[in-house]
Each structure stands twice: as C-alpha cells, then as structure tokens.
C-alpha cells in the first residue's frame, strides 16, 4: 500500500503490481493515490479512505460508505455490480473495452487444453504413460458461443479461424459474420459451449440441470463471463456422471466470498468445497479470474482508468458512465 503525505483523493482496490505500475506510468503527475491489493472487505477500512474509489468485481461497498462517496469507477468492462447504485447521486463509471481479445484467447486456451487433455498429459510426464491421454483436434468441432458481445464475437472469430464450426446465441444479432441460432437450438450438436453473456437479473443459474440435460455427452463447458450463471454444484454433478467432458472456469459464483476464503484460509463453505474437489479433477481447469490480464490489456486498462479518473477529477463526471 502506498500512502501520500497529502490527503488521498483516489483509492484503487484490487490492484495487482503490474497494473499499479502501468497506472503510475500513464499518470506521472497524478494527485495523491492509494493502491490496495485487496478488496474493500479485505482491507477492512472503517470509512471511505477517499471521496473517489475504484474497484473491480469482487469488492462489496458498505452501505454506510455511500453518503461520503462522490464517485465509483469499476475497472471492468462489465458493470452489473454497480447497477444497484444507479439511482444514487454517485458518479458511476466503467471501462468500455480493454480486454476482449485477452478474454477471448483465454477461453480458446481453456477449451483447447481440455480437448487435448493437457492436465492429464502433464500428470503423465513422470512415468511417460500415454494411455488415457489421447485428446481431440479442433478442426470441425462445433462451438456454441452464448453471448456474442465484444468478447463473444472475438471468441467466435478465433474459433472460425482454426476451422471450428461456430454458432452464436444472442438476441442482438449485430455481427454479419456470425451464424446465429435461436434459444431452441439442439444443444446436443455442440462439442464445446462457452458462456460469454453479461449478467442480468434473468440469467442467474442459466446453466442449470435442465440445460445440461440437453447437451452432448462429453461436452466441454467454459465460462469466462460471470460465475453466477453456472452453479458449481451443477457442474460437479455433470462432471461426475461424465455428461460434461471438461470444465474451464475463470469466474465463480459468490466470488467475493471465495476469494477471501482462499486467500486467508478461513472457513470453507460447501460451495468452496465443491470447487476444491473440482480442482483435483484431470478434466477441470480453474483460473483466478485472470482472463483479462495480459500485458497489452493491462496497458489499455491503465490508459482508460487514467482517462476516467482525470475526467472525473476535472469535470465531476466520467467519460463512460453507467
């Protein structure tokens, strides 16, 4: 944590080292800033440490902070976690698009590694045993991308480029190069299903038991959007039965609580126990909500963060508002 002798104007939570360095480099004459690696609840501040704060998706803003705050910037392209504050007098901002390519490549990495049985291959190195680790190629595999926004369209285009057969499912059919299907599509036709939807009030637990009853046996499921849409217990059930051939997750349900438990080794609830069991499976890859995080995306993120905070400081509003 970095403190200034002058009154801190802006506090940024959930900041990792590379991001802090990029923001400093992009704003060399910045006002007094404070960078906190933890979430609001982990930092345990009794009151708002500055009138302007910036978070990502895992911080929970205490209700008694709201009267003392002027603005909240989420350093995320999704802003569903700030929707509850829309009717307040707070200025709310987000970053429009800095990581679509990074997240799309991460999704591609997850399903490719799972199809190739990469975790099992790595475990087999010590005895050089090739039994049970025969994977599959990408050519002609059928992929369904659910949610074809900034990230989803990049996922679809990457997959098409390597010869996969790609369909998109989205009520807003705005991309001419995407072959769309409707909600009644036959899910059993797809080898891989990727969740790239934005979170709404209506799609919590979208990927439920009924959904997976309709998928092809051995299907690979990847979620790089929001964990609330794919309940962990449903994924584990389908992994145990073999209905799902693999699962790749970069986002998790109850993620704020999960992060606190894993970082501080505090009480583990049933939901976290499920994830810890999944982590031991050779057909599961879990990554720490890191799909957005490349050097290129971090640079773009820092530039947009500085642009937003400068505008808020000078004009009392954000460039990109919620």
Foldseek 3Di string as FASTA:
>chain_A
DDFDPDQAAEEEELDDDLLVVLLCVLCVPDDTYHYYNHACVVVPDPEDSHQEYEYEQQHDDDPVRVVSHAEYEYLALADPVCVVCPPPNHFYYYFNDQFLLLLLVVQVVLVVCLQQLVLVCVVCVVVVDPPPRHGDDLAAAEEEEEACDSNNVSNQVVSVVRHYHYEYEDPDPDDPVHHYDYPPDQQQRHQEYEYAHEDDPPQFCVVPLVNLVRYHQQHEYEYLHEARNHQLVRVLVCVVVRSHNAYEYQYHPSLNVLVVCVVVVDDDDPSNVSVVVQVPDSRYHYHPSCSRDDSSSSNVSSNQVVQQVVCCVPVVHGPGTD
